[in-house]
Amino acid sequence: MAVTNTFSATATNSAWTQIVDGTTIASCGIQLDPNSTSVFLAVAQALPTAGSDDFLHFDRARDVSISFTLNATDKIYARAPSSTSVKVRGYQVTR
């Protein structure tokens, strides 16, 4: 399958923000924006709870991108680890 589109999304630390929906997206790649230092990403079938520890932590000093193959029930959520908003960028492949 070919890449369908690119996207960007902004997340804060006040709540998880859905950035990809497996209902329509079969796979995606997500990259930490060059101006953001760190982001939490959660792959789940429902919105994670505010205090959830079930997430991946991406930090500019280590990992800055990842790709996923998604089930139709999967969603990807982002949250900032601090009070500073973060931005992620990526590509999506539709189902």
Protein backbone atom coordinates (compact mmCIF):
# COMPACT_ATOMS: atom_id res chain seq x y z
CA MET A 1 0.00 0.00 0.00
CA ALA A 2 1.13 3.51 -0.73
CA VAL A 3 1.33 6.39 1.71
CA THR A 4 -1.97 8.26 1.64
CA ASN A 5 -1.06 11.45 3.46
CA THR A 6 1.18 13.16 5.96
CA PHE A 7 -0.08 14.80 9.13
CA SER A 8 0.93 16.73 12.21
CA ALA A 9 -0.68 16.81 15.64
CA THR A 10 -0.13 18.73 18.85
CA ALA A 11 -0.50 17.25 22.32
CA THR A 12 -0.51 18.70 25.82
CA ASN A 13 0.01 17.06 29.19
CA SER A 14 -3.57 17.68 30.31
CA ALA A 15 -5.09 14.78 28.33
CA TRP A 16 -4.31 12.09 25.77
CA THR A 17 -4.90 13.27 22.17
CA GLN A 18 -5.91 10.73 19.53
CA ILE A 19 -3.63 11.13 16.53
CA VAL A 20 -4.33 7.98 14.46
CA ASP A 21 -7.47 5.84 14.13
CA GLY A 22 -7.04 2.24 12.96
CA THR A 23 -10.62 2.21 11.68
CA THR A 24 -9.42 4.00 8.55
CA ILE A 25 -5.62 3.77 8.84
CA ALA A 26 -3.82 0.45 8.23
CA SER A 27 -0.32 1.64 9.10
CA CYS A 28 1.54 4.80 9.98
CA GLY A 29 4.87 6.30 10.90
CA ILE A 30 5.24 8.89 13.64
CA GLN A 31 8.16 11.27 14.14
CA LEU A 32 8.89 13.65 17.01
CA ASP A 33 8.92 17.22 15.69
CA PRO A 34 12.42 18.81 15.68
CA ASN A 35 11.23 21.54 18.09
CA SER A 36 9.78 19.07 20.62
CA THR A 37 12.01 17.26 23.08
CA SER A 38 9.85 14.36 24.24
CA VAL A 39 6.43 12.70 23.76
CA PHE A 40 4.41 9.80 25.20
CA LEU A 41 2.62 7.53 22.67
CA ALA A 42 -0.01 4.93 23.60
CA VAL A 43 -1.47 2.29 21.30
CA ALA A 44 -4.84 1.22 22.68
CA GLN A 45 -8.40 0.38 21.75
CA ALA A 46 -9.77 3.11 24.03
CA LEU A 47 -8.58 6.37 25.54
CA PRO A 48 -5.91 5.64 28.18
CA THR A 49 -6.64 6.78 31.72
CA ALA A 50 -4.91 9.97 32.85
CA GLY A 51 -2.50 8.10 35.15
CA SER A 52 -1.78 5.18 32.80
CA ASP A 53 1.80 3.87 32.59
CA ASP A 54 1.01 1.96 29.38
CA PHE A 55 2.83 4.11 26.82
CA LEU A 56 6.05 4.48 24.85
CA HIS A 57 8.36 7.39 25.74
CA PHE A 58 10.13 9.05 22.83
CA ASP A 59 12.95 11.45 23.60
CA ARG A 60 14.96 13.49 21.08
CA ALA A 61 18.20 12.16 22.61
CA ARG A 62 17.24 8.54 21.83
CA ASP A 63 14.33 7.57 19.58
CA VAL A 64 12.60 10.04 17.33
CA SER A 65 10.43 7.89 15.04
CA ILE A 66 8.45 4.66 14.94
CA SER A 67 6.11 2.87 12.54
CA PHE A 68 3.01 0.81 13.32
CA THR A 69 0.80 -1.72 11.55
CA LEU A 70 -2.65 -1.28 13.08
CA ASN A 71 -5.69 -3.47 13.62
CA ALA A 72 -9.00 -1.80 12.82
CA THR A 73 -9.67 -1.45 16.56
CA ASP A 74 -6.32 0.23 17.38
CA LYS A 75 -5.87 3.92 18.00
CA ILE A 76 -2.72 5.91 18.74
CA TYR A 77 -2.73 8.63 21.38
CA ALA A 78 -0.10 11.25 22.26
CA ARG A 79 0.53 13.22 25.44
CA ALA A 80 3.20 15.71 26.45
CA PRO A 81 5.32 14.66 29.45
CA SER A 82 5.48 18.23 30.78
CA SER A 83 3.51 21.46 30.60
CA THR A 84 5.11 22.31 27.24
CA SER A 85 3.01 21.24 24.24
CA VAL A 86 4.63 18.78 21.84
CA LYS A 87 4.13 18.18 18.14
CA VAL A 88 4.44 14.95 16.20
CA ARG A 89 4.46 14.45 12.46
CA GLY A 90 3.82 11.36 10.44
CA TYR A 91 2.45 9.51 7.46
CA GLN A 92 -0.64 7.34 7.13
CA VAL A 93 -1.67 4.47 4.84
CA THR A 94 -5.44 4.04 4.57
CA ARG A 95 -7.20 0.66 4.66
